[in-house]
Each structure stands twice: as C-alpha cells, then as structure tokens.
N, C-alpha and C. Protein backbone atom coordinates (compact mmCIF):
# COMPACT_ATOMS: atom_id res chain seq x y z
N MET A 1 -2.67 199.17 13.44
CA MET A 1 -2.37 197.57 12.85
C MET A 1 -2.80 197.49 11.56
N SER A 2 -1.74 197.40 10.29
CA SER A 2 -2.25 197.28 8.89
C SER A 2 -3.17 195.99 9.00
N THR A 3 -3.79 195.77 7.88
CA THR A 3 -4.59 194.64 7.37
C THR A 3 -3.40 193.69 7.26
N ARG A 4 -2.23 193.76 6.74
CA ARG A 4 -1.42 192.75 6.65
C ARG A 4 -1.09 192.12 7.78
N ASP A 5 -0.95 192.89 8.76
CA ASP A 5 -0.14 192.52 10.21
C ASP A 5 -1.37 191.76 10.92
N GLN A 6 -2.66 192.34 10.84
CA GLN A 6 -3.79 191.55 11.07
C GLN A 6 -3.96 190.32 10.69
N LEU A 7 -3.88 189.73 9.82
CA LEU A 7 -3.97 188.81 8.86
C LEU A 7 -2.87 187.50 9.45
N LEU A 8 -1.44 188.17 9.46
CA LEU A 8 -0.47 187.39 10.04
C LEU A 8 -0.85 186.82 11.63
N THR A 9 -1.06 187.99 12.19
CA THR A 9 -1.56 187.76 13.78
C THR A 9 -2.43 186.41 13.56
N ARG A 10 -3.79 186.80 13.00
CA ARG A 10 -4.67 185.85 13.21
C ARG A 10 -4.13 184.31 12.78
N ILE A 11 -3.54 184.44 11.87
CA ILE A 11 -2.79 182.99 11.15
C ILE A 11 -1.79 182.55 12.39
N ARG A 12 -1.09 183.14 12.91
CA ARG A 12 -0.16 182.75 14.24
C ARG A 12 -1.26 182.15 15.41
N GLN A 13 -2.26 182.92 15.56
CA GLN A 13 -3.09 182.56 16.61
C GLN A 13 -3.89 181.34 16.20
N ASN A 14 -4.05 180.99 15.24
CA ASN A 14 -4.79 179.78 14.59
C ASN A 14 -3.86 178.55 14.13
N LYS A 15 -2.53 178.78 14.49
CA LYS A 15 -1.87 177.92 13.48
C LYS A 15 -1.87 176.38 14.57
N PRO A 16 -2.07 175.37 13.62
CA PRO A 16 -2.31 174.10 14.48
C PRO A 16 -0.96 173.46 14.81
N GLU A 17 -0.98 172.46 15.83
CA GLU A 17 0.29 172.03 16.47
C GLU A 17 0.75 171.39 15.66
N PRO A 18 2.15 171.41 15.63
CA PRO A 18 2.96 170.54 14.63
C PRO A 18 2.87 169.12 14.72
N LEU A 19 2.80 168.50 13.69
CA LEU A 19 2.57 166.88 13.70
C LEU A 19 4.07 166.22 13.14
N PRO A 20 4.52 165.17 13.80
CA PRO A 20 5.71 164.77 13.15
C PRO A 20 5.59 164.08 12.09
N LEU A 21 6.80 164.39 10.99
CA LEU A 21 6.63 163.97 9.65
C LEU A 21 6.42 162.16 9.72
N PRO A 22 5.72 161.69 8.68
CA PRO A 22 5.73 160.32 8.58
C PRO A 22 7.33 159.65 8.27
N ASP A 23 7.54 158.13 8.60
CA ASP A 23 8.29 157.51 8.35
C ASP A 23 8.21 157.23 6.79
N VAL A 24 9.35 157.65 5.99
CA VAL A 24 9.39 156.95 4.70
C VAL A 24 9.93 155.97 4.61
N PRO A 25 9.48 154.83 3.77
CA PRO A 25 10.46 153.60 3.36
C PRO A 25 11.46 154.23 2.35
N THR A 26 12.62 153.32 2.51
CA THR A 26 13.44 153.59 1.36
C THR A 26 13.29 152.43 0.09
N PHE A 27 12.58 151.62 0.39
CA PHE A 27 12.28 150.70 -0.50
C PHE A 27 13.42 149.96 -1.36
N VAL A 28 13.94 149.62 -0.32
CA VAL A 28 15.25 148.65 -0.59
C VAL A 28 14.87 147.06 -0.59
N ASN A 29 15.58 146.73 -1.58
CA ASN A 29 14.92 145.19 -2.01
C ASN A 29 16.47 144.30 -1.73
N GLU A 30 16.59 143.70 -0.62
CA GLU A 30 17.69 143.47 0.21
C GLU A 30 18.31 142.25 -1.04
N SER A 31 17.44 141.51 -1.51
CA SER A 31 17.97 140.50 -2.79
C SER A 31 18.38 141.11 -4.05
N ASP A 32 18.63 142.04 -3.99
CA ASP A 32 19.00 142.81 -5.44
C ASP A 32 20.58 142.79 -5.57
N ASP A 33 20.94 142.53 -6.81
CA ASP A 33 22.61 142.66 -7.04
C ASP A 33 22.54 144.10 -7.36
N GLN A 34 22.79 144.69 -6.58
CA GLN A 34 22.98 146.31 -6.84
C GLN A 34 24.17 146.52 -7.95
N PHE A 35 25.37 145.89 -7.67
CA PHE A 35 26.05 146.33 -9.09
C PHE A 35 25.59 145.84 -10.14
N ALA A 36 24.79 144.87 -10.57
CA ALA A 36 24.20 144.29 -11.94
C ALA A 36 23.25 145.40 -12.38
N ARG A 37 22.47 145.76 -11.31
CA ARG A 37 21.31 146.94 -11.62
C ARG A 37 22.07 148.29 -11.80
N PHE A 38 23.17 148.69 -11.25
CA PHE A 38 23.62 149.68 -11.85
C PHE A 38 24.21 149.50 -13.24
N ARG A 39 24.98 148.43 -13.21
CA ARG A 39 25.74 148.38 -14.63
C ARG A 39 24.69 148.34 -15.76
N ASP A 40 23.59 147.76 -15.58
CA ASP A 40 22.56 147.69 -16.50
C ASP A 40 21.78 148.96 -16.66
N ALA A 41 21.52 149.53 -15.65
CA ALA A 41 21.05 151.24 -15.83
C ALA A 41 21.76 151.90 -16.25
N LEU A 42 23.35 152.26 -16.17
CA LEU A 42 24.03 152.98 -16.56
C LEU A 42 24.40 152.72 -18.40
N ALA A 43 24.11 151.39 -18.74
CA ALA A 43 24.22 151.19 -20.13
C ALA A 43 22.80 151.46 -20.80
N PHE A 44 21.71 151.66 -20.29
CA PHE A 44 20.68 151.81 -20.66
C PHE A 44 20.46 153.30 -20.86
N VAL A 45 20.94 154.11 -20.01
CA VAL A 45 20.90 155.72 -20.52
C VAL A 45 22.29 155.92 -21.24
N GLY A 46 23.27 155.20 -21.69
CA GLY A 46 24.06 155.40 -22.76
C GLY A 46 25.39 155.95 -22.03
N GLY A 47 25.50 155.64 -20.80
CA GLY A 47 26.71 155.49 -20.16
C GLY A 47 27.52 154.40 -20.48
N LYS A 48 29.01 154.84 -19.99
CA LYS A 48 30.10 153.87 -20.49
C LYS A 48 30.58 153.47 -18.95
N LEU A 49 31.17 152.00 -18.54
CA LEU A 49 31.48 151.53 -17.46
C LEU A 49 33.04 151.53 -17.39
N LEU A 50 33.70 151.78 -16.78
CA LEU A 50 35.71 151.60 -16.49
C LEU A 50 35.71 150.99 -15.26
N GLU A 51 36.17 149.85 -14.52
CA GLU A 51 36.19 149.17 -13.43
C GLU A 51 38.07 149.29 -13.30
N LEU A 52 38.31 150.24 -12.21
CA LEU A 52 39.89 150.55 -12.02
C LEU A 52 40.09 149.43 -10.60
N ASN A 53 40.58 148.39 -10.94
CA ASN A 53 41.22 147.69 -9.88
C ASN A 53 42.55 148.67 -9.08
N PRO A 54 42.63 148.16 -7.87
CA PRO A 54 44.25 148.38 -7.06
C PRO A 54 45.41 148.44 -7.98
N GLY A 55 46.17 149.39 -8.17
CA GLY A 55 47.29 149.22 -8.87
C GLY A 55 47.26 149.66 -10.38
N ASP A 56 45.90 149.85 -10.94
CA ASP A 56 45.79 150.36 -12.28
C ASP A 56 45.82 151.62 -12.29
N SER A 57 46.51 152.17 -13.47
CA SER A 57 46.74 153.57 -13.61
C SER A 57 45.46 154.13 -14.62
N LEU A 58 44.98 155.26 -13.46
CA LEU A 58 43.78 155.73 -14.16
C LEU A 58 44.15 156.62 -15.33
N GLY A 59 45.24 157.18 -15.43
CA GLY A 59 46.02 157.89 -16.51
C GLY A 59 45.86 156.80 -17.91
N GLU A 60 46.49 155.82 -17.70
CA GLU A 60 46.47 154.96 -19.00
C GLU A 60 45.13 154.58 -19.54
N GLN A 61 44.51 154.16 -18.43
CA GLN A 61 43.01 153.87 -19.05
C GLN A 61 42.04 154.84 -19.70
N LEU A 62 42.41 155.99 -19.22
CA LEU A 62 41.76 157.50 -20.09
C LEU A 62 42.36 157.70 -21.27
N ARG A 63 43.87 157.32 -21.01
CA ARG A 63 44.22 157.71 -22.74
C ARG A 63 43.75 156.36 -23.49
N GLN A 64 43.71 155.58 -22.97
CA GLN A 64 43.19 154.29 -24.06
C GLN A 64 41.73 154.63 -24.44
N ALA A 65 40.82 155.31 -23.55
CA ALA A 65 39.50 155.40 -24.12
C ALA A 65 39.21 156.85 -24.66
N PHE A 66 40.32 157.87 -24.20
CA PHE A 66 40.12 158.98 -24.89
C PHE A 66 41.50 159.33 -25.83
N PRO A 67 41.90 158.81 -26.80
CA PRO A 67 43.01 158.78 -27.46
C PRO A 67 43.30 160.41 -27.97
N ASP A 68 42.08 161.11 -28.37
CA ASP A 68 42.15 162.25 -28.99
C ASP A 68 42.07 163.28 -28.24
N ALA A 69 41.69 163.18 -26.97
CA ALA A 69 41.64 164.32 -25.92
C ALA A 69 43.21 164.80 -25.74
N GLU A 70 42.89 166.20 -26.14
CA GLU A 70 44.14 166.98 -25.63
C GLU A 70 44.07 168.03 -24.66
N ARG A 71 42.94 168.80 -24.60
CA ARG A 71 42.91 169.85 -23.17
C ARG A 71 41.99 169.11 -22.11
N ILE A 72 42.40 168.67 -20.90
CA ILE A 72 42.00 167.97 -19.92
C ILE A 72 41.97 168.65 -18.80
N ALA A 73 40.90 168.46 -18.09
CA ALA A 73 40.59 168.99 -16.77
C ALA A 73 40.19 168.39 -15.69
N SER A 74 40.75 168.02 -14.67
CA SER A 74 40.53 167.39 -13.57
C SER A 74 40.59 167.60 -12.12
N SER A 75 39.52 167.19 -11.26
CA SER A 75 39.56 167.22 -9.75
C SER A 75 40.37 166.27 -9.11
N VAL A 76 40.54 165.09 -10.14
CA VAL A 76 41.50 163.97 -9.45
C VAL A 76 43.07 164.01 -10.06
N PRO A 77 43.95 163.78 -9.23
CA PRO A 77 45.22 163.77 -9.95
C PRO A 77 45.66 162.69 -10.64
N ILE A 78 46.20 162.92 -12.15
CA ILE A 78 46.68 162.39 -13.18
C ILE A 78 47.80 162.74 -13.43
N PRO A 79 48.79 162.07 -12.80
CA PRO A 79 50.17 162.51 -13.29
C PRO A 79 50.64 162.32 -14.70
N GLU A 80 49.85 161.67 -15.54
CA GLU A 80 50.43 161.07 -17.00
C GLU A 80 50.07 162.36 -17.89
N PHE A 81 48.96 163.16 -17.03
CA PHE A 81 48.54 164.15 -18.14
C PHE A 81 48.99 165.59 -17.85
N LYS A 82 49.10 166.47 -18.93
CA LYS A 82 49.19 167.94 -18.48
C LYS A 82 47.79 168.76 -18.53
N LEU A 83 47.25 169.01 -17.44
CA LEU A 83 46.21 169.53 -17.18
C LEU A 83 45.91 171.00 -17.04
N VAL A 84 44.67 171.19 -18.07
CA VAL A 84 44.26 172.31 -17.85
C VAL A 84 43.43 173.00 -16.64
N SER A 85 43.83 174.23 -16.13
CA SER A 85 43.84 174.68 -14.96
C SER A 85 42.54 175.16 -15.05
N ILE A 86 41.17 174.78 -14.04
CA ILE A 86 40.08 175.21 -14.19
C ILE A 86 39.58 175.63 -12.74
N ASP A 87 39.29 176.84 -12.32
CA ASP A 87 38.49 177.09 -11.36
C ASP A 87 37.22 177.81 -11.45
N THR A 88 36.74 178.53 -10.18
CA THR A 88 35.16 179.11 -10.46
C THR A 88 35.42 180.48 -11.21
N GLU A 89 36.70 181.25 -11.22
CA GLU A 89 36.59 182.34 -12.01
C GLU A 89 37.11 182.03 -13.22
N THR A 90 37.39 180.70 -13.81
CA THR A 90 38.04 180.72 -15.26
C THR A 90 36.81 181.07 -16.38
N ASP A 91 37.34 181.78 -17.22
CA ASP A 91 36.49 182.09 -18.63
C ASP A 91 35.77 181.25 -19.07
N LYS A 92 34.43 180.96 -19.40
CA LYS A 92 33.76 180.24 -20.08
C LYS A 92 34.22 180.11 -21.42
N MET A 93 35.12 180.75 -21.96
CA MET A 93 35.68 180.57 -23.50
C MET A 93 36.70 179.55 -23.20
N VAL A 94 37.43 179.32 -22.26
CA VAL A 94 38.39 178.54 -22.05
C VAL A 94 37.75 177.30 -21.73
N ILE A 95 36.96 177.05 -20.89
CA ILE A 95 36.09 175.93 -20.22
C ILE A 95 35.53 175.39 -21.38
N GLU A 96 34.64 176.31 -22.57
CA GLU A 96 34.06 175.28 -23.52
C GLU A 96 35.17 174.66 -24.68
N GLN A 97 36.47 174.54 -24.37
CA GLN A 97 37.48 174.26 -25.13
C GLN A 97 37.94 172.70 -24.46
N ILE A 98 37.54 172.55 -23.32
CA ILE A 98 37.94 171.56 -22.81
C ILE A 98 37.40 170.14 -23.62
N ASP A 99 38.31 169.24 -23.83
CA ASP A 99 37.57 167.92 -24.59
C ASP A 99 37.46 166.84 -23.57
N LEU A 100 37.97 166.55 -22.36
CA LEU A 100 37.98 165.93 -20.99
C LEU A 100 37.51 166.25 -19.68
N ALA A 101 36.96 166.08 -19.21
CA ALA A 101 36.96 166.59 -17.83
C ALA A 101 36.59 165.48 -17.05
N VAL A 102 37.47 165.13 -15.88
CA VAL A 102 37.34 164.09 -14.93
C VAL A 102 37.50 164.48 -13.68
N LEU A 103 36.20 164.30 -12.84
CA LEU A 103 35.82 164.88 -11.65
C LEU A 103 35.45 163.82 -10.87
N LYS A 104 35.66 163.97 -9.51
CA LYS A 104 35.17 162.92 -8.49
C LYS A 104 33.68 163.11 -8.13
N GLY A 105 33.12 161.93 -8.05
CA GLY A 105 31.46 161.75 -7.66
C GLY A 105 31.79 161.49 -6.37
N GLU A 106 30.59 161.67 -5.49
CA GLU A 106 30.30 161.38 -4.22
C GLU A 106 30.07 159.86 -3.91
N PHE A 107 29.13 159.43 -4.74
CA PHE A 107 28.38 158.48 -4.72
C PHE A 107 27.80 157.98 -5.87
N VAL A 108 27.08 156.60 -6.02
CA VAL A 108 26.42 156.32 -7.25
C VAL A 108 25.42 155.39 -7.12
N VAL A 109 24.17 155.87 -7.66
CA VAL A 109 22.77 155.15 -7.31
C VAL A 109 22.60 154.01 -8.60
N ALA A 110 22.36 152.78 -7.53
CA ALA A 110 22.20 151.62 -8.49
C ALA A 110 21.05 151.67 -9.59
N GLU A 111 19.84 152.10 -9.02
CA GLU A 111 18.41 151.86 -9.77
C GLU A 111 18.64 152.80 -11.10
N ASN A 112 19.21 153.78 -11.19
CA ASN A 112 19.63 154.68 -12.46
C ASN A 112 20.74 155.11 -12.96
N GLY A 113 21.90 154.75 -12.30
CA GLY A 113 23.02 155.03 -12.63
C GLY A 113 23.60 156.42 -12.44
N ALA A 114 22.78 157.12 -11.60
CA ALA A 114 23.16 158.65 -11.43
C ALA A 114 24.48 158.57 -10.67
N VAL A 115 25.14 159.63 -10.94
CA VAL A 115 26.25 160.21 -9.67
C VAL A 115 25.93 161.33 -9.19
N TRP A 116 26.26 161.23 -7.77
CA TRP A 116 26.20 162.65 -7.46
C TRP A 116 27.22 163.59 -7.12
N LEU A 117 27.19 164.84 -7.84
CA LEU A 117 28.35 165.69 -7.81
C LEU A 117 28.12 166.87 -7.22
N PRO A 118 28.71 167.38 -6.19
CA PRO A 118 28.61 168.41 -5.31
C PRO A 118 29.52 169.50 -6.20
N GLU A 119 29.28 170.81 -5.93
CA GLU A 119 29.95 171.82 -6.49
C GLU A 119 31.44 171.79 -6.33
N PRO A 120 31.86 171.58 -5.10
CA PRO A 120 33.53 171.44 -4.86
C PRO A 120 34.14 170.50 -5.53
N ASN A 121 33.48 169.65 -6.04
CA ASN A 121 34.17 168.48 -7.05
C ASN A 121 34.08 169.09 -8.45
N MET A 122 33.20 170.03 -8.87
CA MET A 122 33.25 170.12 -10.05
C MET A 122 34.33 171.20 -10.96
N LEU A 123 35.04 171.78 -10.15
CA LEU A 123 36.23 173.22 -10.48
C LEU A 123 35.32 174.17 -10.97
N ASN A 124 34.33 173.90 -11.68
CA ASN A 124 33.66 174.89 -12.24
C ASN A 124 32.08 174.79 -12.56
N ARG A 125 31.09 175.22 -12.17
CA ARG A 125 29.79 175.01 -12.35
C ARG A 125 29.40 174.33 -13.91
N SER A 126 29.77 175.02 -14.79
CA SER A 126 29.50 174.86 -16.00
C SER A 126 30.24 173.71 -16.71
N LEU A 127 31.58 173.46 -16.00
CA LEU A 127 32.33 172.27 -16.47
C LEU A 127 31.98 171.08 -16.97
N PRO A 128 30.81 170.08 -16.39
CA PRO A 128 30.27 169.36 -16.44
C PRO A 128 29.31 169.11 -17.61
N PHE A 129 28.81 170.19 -17.67
CA PHE A 129 27.87 170.47 -19.02
C PHE A 129 28.18 170.78 -20.36
N ILE A 130 29.48 171.52 -20.11
CA ILE A 130 30.10 172.28 -21.09
C ILE A 130 31.24 171.37 -22.00
N THR A 131 32.07 170.34 -21.49
CA THR A 131 32.97 169.56 -21.81
C THR A 131 32.45 168.45 -22.87
N GLN A 132 33.24 168.18 -23.77
CA GLN A 132 32.99 167.29 -24.98
C GLN A 132 32.78 165.91 -24.20
N HIS A 133 33.36 165.55 -23.34
CA HIS A 133 33.39 164.10 -22.76
C HIS A 133 33.64 164.37 -21.09
N LEU A 134 32.52 163.34 -20.37
CA LEU A 134 32.96 163.45 -19.13
C LEU A 134 33.24 162.10 -18.61
N VAL A 135 34.24 162.28 -17.57
CA VAL A 135 34.21 160.94 -16.79
C VAL A 135 34.24 161.36 -15.25
N LEU A 136 33.44 160.43 -14.46
CA LEU A 136 33.06 160.46 -13.01
C LEU A 136 33.83 159.40 -12.25
N VAL A 137 34.54 159.72 -11.49
CA VAL A 137 35.48 158.76 -10.53
C VAL A 137 34.85 158.59 -9.24
N VAL A 138 34.20 157.30 -9.06
CA VAL A 138 33.50 157.09 -7.95
C VAL A 138 33.99 155.69 -7.21
N ASP A 139 34.15 155.92 -5.99
CA ASP A 139 34.56 154.60 -5.02
C ASP A 139 33.29 153.46 -5.21
N ARG A 140 33.71 152.38 -5.66
CA ARG A 140 32.67 151.33 -5.92
C ARG A 140 32.04 150.84 -4.51
N SER A 141 32.78 151.41 -3.26
CA SER A 141 31.75 151.07 -1.88
C SER A 141 30.90 151.93 -1.61
N THR A 142 30.72 153.21 -2.48
CA THR A 142 29.80 154.12 -2.23
C THR A 142 28.15 153.69 -3.21
N LEU A 143 28.26 152.64 -3.62
CA LEU A 143 27.12 152.43 -4.36
C LEU A 143 25.83 152.13 -3.37
N VAL A 144 24.69 153.30 -3.56
CA VAL A 144 23.49 153.14 -2.86
C VAL A 144 22.45 152.56 -3.77
N PRO A 145 21.48 151.78 -3.34
CA PRO A 145 20.38 150.92 -3.98
C PRO A 145 19.31 151.74 -4.91
N ASN A 146 19.27 153.14 -4.24
CA ASN A 146 18.01 153.95 -5.09
C ASN A 146 18.40 155.45 -4.45
N MET A 147 17.20 155.94 -5.00
CA MET A 147 17.51 157.39 -5.02
C MET A 147 16.78 158.15 -3.37
N HIS A 148 15.86 157.36 -2.66
CA HIS A 148 15.31 157.40 -1.49
C HIS A 148 16.59 157.37 -0.68
N VAL A 149 17.72 156.23 -0.71
CA VAL A 149 18.77 156.19 0.12
C VAL A 149 19.91 157.17 -0.53
N ALA A 150 19.72 157.39 -1.68
CA ALA A 150 20.91 158.48 -2.17
C ALA A 150 20.69 160.00 -1.29
N TYR A 151 19.23 160.45 -1.58
CA TYR A 151 18.99 161.60 -0.80
C TYR A 151 19.72 161.83 0.74
N GLN A 152 19.42 160.70 1.28
CA GLN A 152 19.91 160.68 2.74
C GLN A 152 21.20 160.64 2.71
N HIS A 153 22.04 160.51 2.02
CA HIS A 153 23.71 160.76 1.81
C HIS A 153 24.08 162.22 1.37
N VAL A 154 23.08 163.29 1.01
CA VAL A 154 23.21 164.27 0.52
C VAL A 154 23.69 165.32 1.64
N ASP A 155 24.86 165.80 1.70
CA ASP A 155 25.22 166.45 2.94
C ASP A 155 24.29 168.00 2.88
N ARG A 156 23.27 168.22 3.16
CA ARG A 156 22.60 169.48 2.93
C ARG A 156 23.17 170.82 3.82
N ASN A 157 23.84 170.46 4.85
CA ASN A 157 24.18 171.41 5.61
C ASN A 157 25.19 172.26 4.82
N SER A 158 26.47 171.70 4.09
CA SER A 158 27.40 172.49 3.64
C SER A 158 27.12 172.48 1.95
N LEU A 159 25.76 172.42 1.44
CA LEU A 159 25.62 172.12 0.25
C LEU A 159 25.25 173.46 -0.31
N THR A 160 26.01 173.83 -1.15
CA THR A 160 25.84 175.11 -1.97
C THR A 160 25.13 174.80 -3.31
N TYR A 161 25.54 173.72 -3.86
CA TYR A 161 24.98 173.42 -5.30
C TYR A 161 25.36 172.37 -5.59
N GLY A 162 24.60 171.20 -6.33
CA GLY A 162 25.16 170.00 -6.61
C GLY A 162 23.83 169.34 -7.87
N THR A 163 24.54 168.19 -8.15
CA THR A 163 23.62 167.66 -9.56
C THR A 163 23.72 166.09 -9.42
N PHE A 164 22.77 165.42 -9.84
CA PHE A 164 22.90 164.21 -10.08
C PHE A 164 22.61 163.83 -11.59
N ILE A 165 23.99 163.39 -11.94
CA ILE A 165 24.42 163.27 -13.41
C ILE A 165 23.88 161.94 -13.81
N CYS A 166 23.21 161.66 -14.80
CA CYS A 166 22.81 160.29 -15.33
C CYS A 166 22.72 160.26 -16.83
N GLY A 167 23.76 159.45 -16.76
CA GLY A 167 24.26 159.40 -18.69
C GLY A 167 24.73 160.71 -19.43
N PRO A 168 25.06 160.59 -20.55
CA PRO A 168 25.44 161.50 -21.34
C PRO A 168 24.13 162.56 -21.68
N SER A 169 24.47 163.88 -22.41
CA SER A 169 23.27 164.67 -22.77
C SER A 169 22.42 163.86 -23.81
N LYS A 170 21.15 163.94 -23.79
CA LYS A 170 20.64 163.52 -25.17
C LYS A 170 19.10 164.07 -25.12
N THR A 171 18.68 163.66 -26.52
CA THR A 171 17.21 164.48 -26.40
C THR A 171 16.56 163.33 -27.85
N ALA A 172 15.31 163.23 -27.65
CA ALA A 172 14.58 162.63 -28.64
C ALA A 172 13.27 163.42 -28.87
N ASP A 173 13.34 164.82 -28.64
CA ASP A 173 12.32 165.64 -29.05
C ASP A 173 11.87 165.78 -30.32
N ILE A 174 12.62 165.73 -31.11
CA ILE A 174 12.46 165.96 -32.66
C ILE A 174 12.24 164.55 -33.37
N GLU A 175 11.11 164.34 -33.92
CA GLU A 175 10.50 163.04 -34.39
C GLU A 175 11.00 161.88 -33.68
N GLN A 176 10.87 162.21 -32.11
CA GLN A 176 11.17 161.01 -31.56
C GLN A 176 12.78 160.25 -32.07
N SER A 177 13.52 160.80 -32.61
CA SER A 177 14.77 160.23 -32.91
C SER A 177 15.99 161.10 -31.92
N LEU A 178 16.47 159.52 -31.26
CA LEU A 178 17.29 159.92 -30.31
C LEU A 178 18.65 160.69 -30.72
N VAL A 179 19.25 161.52 -30.18
CA VAL A 179 20.51 162.41 -30.49
C VAL A 179 21.05 162.55 -29.10
N VAL A 180 22.31 161.72 -29.14
CA VAL A 180 23.06 161.75 -27.83
C VAL A 180 24.07 163.00 -27.69
N GLY A 181 24.09 163.53 -26.78
CA GLY A 181 25.17 164.82 -26.75
C GLY A 181 24.75 166.00 -27.52
N ALA A 182 23.43 166.29 -27.23
CA ALA A 182 22.62 167.14 -28.06
C ALA A 182 23.05 168.44 -27.09
N HIS A 183 22.80 168.76 -26.01
CA HIS A 183 23.12 170.11 -25.36
C HIS A 183 23.95 169.90 -24.09
N GLY A 184 24.91 168.88 -24.03
CA GLY A 184 25.95 168.64 -22.95
C GLY A 184 26.96 167.80 -23.32
N ALA A 185 27.54 167.08 -22.41
CA ALA A 185 28.69 166.45 -22.72
C ALA A 185 28.21 165.13 -23.63
N ARG A 186 29.12 164.93 -24.43
CA ARG A 186 28.80 163.87 -25.79
C ARG A 186 28.82 162.37 -25.31
N SER A 187 29.70 162.12 -24.27
CA SER A 187 29.74 160.98 -23.61
C SER A 187 29.96 161.04 -22.06
N LEU A 188 29.27 159.97 -21.18
CA LEU A 188 29.62 160.11 -19.96
C LEU A 188 30.14 158.56 -19.52
N THR A 189 31.46 158.31 -18.97
CA THR A 189 32.19 157.48 -18.51
C THR A 189 32.11 157.16 -16.89
N ILE A 190 31.49 156.21 -16.57
CA ILE A 190 31.85 156.25 -14.85
C ILE A 190 32.82 155.31 -14.50
N VAL A 191 33.89 155.58 -13.95
CA VAL A 191 34.91 154.64 -13.49
C VAL A 191 34.97 154.36 -11.83
N LEU A 192 34.70 153.21 -11.81
CA LEU A 192 34.46 152.58 -10.51
C LEU A 192 35.84 152.41 -9.73
N THR A 193 36.11 152.72 -8.77
CA THR A 193 37.64 152.39 -8.00
C THR A 193 37.13 151.36 -7.14
N THR A 194 38.42 150.78 -6.49
CA THR A 194 38.62 149.95 -5.26
C THR A 194 39.60 150.47 -4.37
N GLU A 195 39.31 150.88 -3.37
CA GLU A 195 40.49 151.29 -2.47
C GLU A 195 41.16 150.25 -2.00
N ASN A 196 42.56 150.50 -1.71
CA ASN A 196 43.44 149.56 -1.26
C ASN A 196 43.23 149.26 0.25
N ARG A 197 43.46 147.81 0.72
CA ARG A 197 43.21 147.85 1.98
C ARG A 197 44.57 147.13 2.56
N ARG A 198 44.68 147.08 3.91
CA ARG A 198 46.00 146.37 4.29
C ARG A 198 45.66 146.21 5.80
N LYS A 199 46.13 145.21 6.44
CA LYS A 199 46.14 144.77 8.02
C LYS A 199 47.29 145.79 8.56
N THR A 200 46.66 146.56 9.61
CA THR A 200 47.83 147.15 10.21
C THR A 200 47.24 146.90 11.70
N ASN A 201 47.99 146.37 12.85
CA ASN A 201 47.53 146.00 14.15
C ASN A 201 46.27 145.40 14.46
N ASP A 202 45.72 144.49 13.41
CA ASP A 202 44.36 143.77 13.45
C ASP A 202 43.54 144.41 13.06
N LYS A 203 43.60 145.63 12.29
CA LYS A 203 42.56 146.74 11.96
C LYS A 203 42.76 147.19 10.43
N ASP A 204 41.71 146.99 9.98
CA ASP A 204 41.58 147.10 8.51
C ASP A 204 41.89 148.91 8.18
N THR A 205 42.84 149.25 7.51
CA THR A 205 42.73 150.71 7.19
C THR A 205 42.93 151.08 5.81
N VAL A 206 42.28 152.23 5.61
CA VAL A 206 42.18 152.82 4.11
C VAL A 206 43.02 153.99 3.94
N PRO A 207 44.13 153.78 3.05
CA PRO A 207 44.90 154.72 2.31
C PRO A 207 44.40 156.03 2.45
N SER A 208 44.43 157.44 3.06
CA SER A 208 43.69 158.41 3.13
C SER A 208 44.20 159.31 2.13
N ASP A 209 43.16 159.73 0.88
CA ASP A 209 43.55 160.47 -0.26
C ASP A 209 42.26 161.38 -0.41
N PRO A 210 42.54 162.87 -0.38
CA PRO A 210 41.37 163.77 -0.66
C PRO A 210 40.80 163.91 -1.61
N HIS A 211 41.33 163.08 -2.65
CA HIS A 211 40.96 163.25 -4.39
C HIS A 211 40.24 162.16 -4.48
N ILE A 212 40.34 160.95 -4.44
CA ILE A 212 39.88 159.77 -4.99
C ILE A 212 39.21 159.05 -3.85
C-alpha cells in the first residue's frame, strides 16, 4: 500500500460523525415594502424600471425606450420587431453587433435589484454582457425579498450556468470617477409584467406562456 493510500485509509477510519447543517434564517422583514425597496435599489445601481400592465405591448414600449436600436435579439416573443437569430453556436462577431437584447429573467431580488438569469434564457452566454443595451423581462409576482431567499429559488439540479445581473456595467476604479457601460451593457432596463388572470369554474387560472 502506498503512502497516499495509507493516509486516505487513516482519514476514513478517523472521520467524525456527520452533523446536521444549522438552520440559516432568511432575515426577511415582513413589514418591508418589497416593491419600493426593489425600485429604490434598482435606481441606486443605475438601472431603469418599466412596468408593463396586462394588454400593454412590450414591443411598443421598447420602441419608445430604444428608438435607435436596429439589431435586436430576444428570448421573449416581440412580433413588432424583426429579430436577429442568436443561439449557443452564433459567432461572437455577430453577437457583438447587437444593439438590444431582451431576455426573460426568472425572478428579481428586492434588496439589490438583481435578476436571476439562467443559461437557457440567455440565447448565448456572452449576449447579456456584450449587447449595447439589456432588457430583462420578469413577472412581478416573482419578486423575492433578499439574496437568502433568492438562493433557495435557484434550481441547482438543472443548472448549467447562470448569473445574477444587478444594474448596467460600471466601474469607479480610475480616480473614483463612475463610468457606466465600461465593460458590459451600457444600460439595464427591468420590465415588470403582470400576468392576466380570469375566473374559470371558480378557480383562478393563469394563461400559460413558455416565454413570458
């Protein structure tokens, strides 16, 4: 038996009994106005908020907000736009020319305005960071109070890659002068949607849409 095997055997023989993990509180303040906290946090980090009511056109709202955007990629259906097709195999030279990327966020965090964006929603891993302007579409009902709760919502079993995005790219490394859009998207807009609800047989139903 090699020295390595001897060491590993002794470690296994002297391994302590496993102990249960401690209960970690979520530090949720029930009296907080989560939406107000999210709105203020998003503004603080340089992001913009757009609330979309049932019946509003996402395409029309985006056209008003980004009138100069020509090359648009989206994981959310936008019939008003002619979209650039992006997937995992798209050349980076094509992706870097995108003016506006519209992607579906899974949920949003009130305490810091961050949005969880898993890889399947990105179209391409580089798209959220190389686009000129980034729009994340999130259902308002997915708002969670803080990062402790947010991590409980991440689907680790199916996760390949994902990221929390909080505000547009920015840096203040040089002479403490804030520069927005230094090494990523120049702007971030979070679109909060509200799903339509209707009564059917005394039960609330939500229209099923795999994209929004």
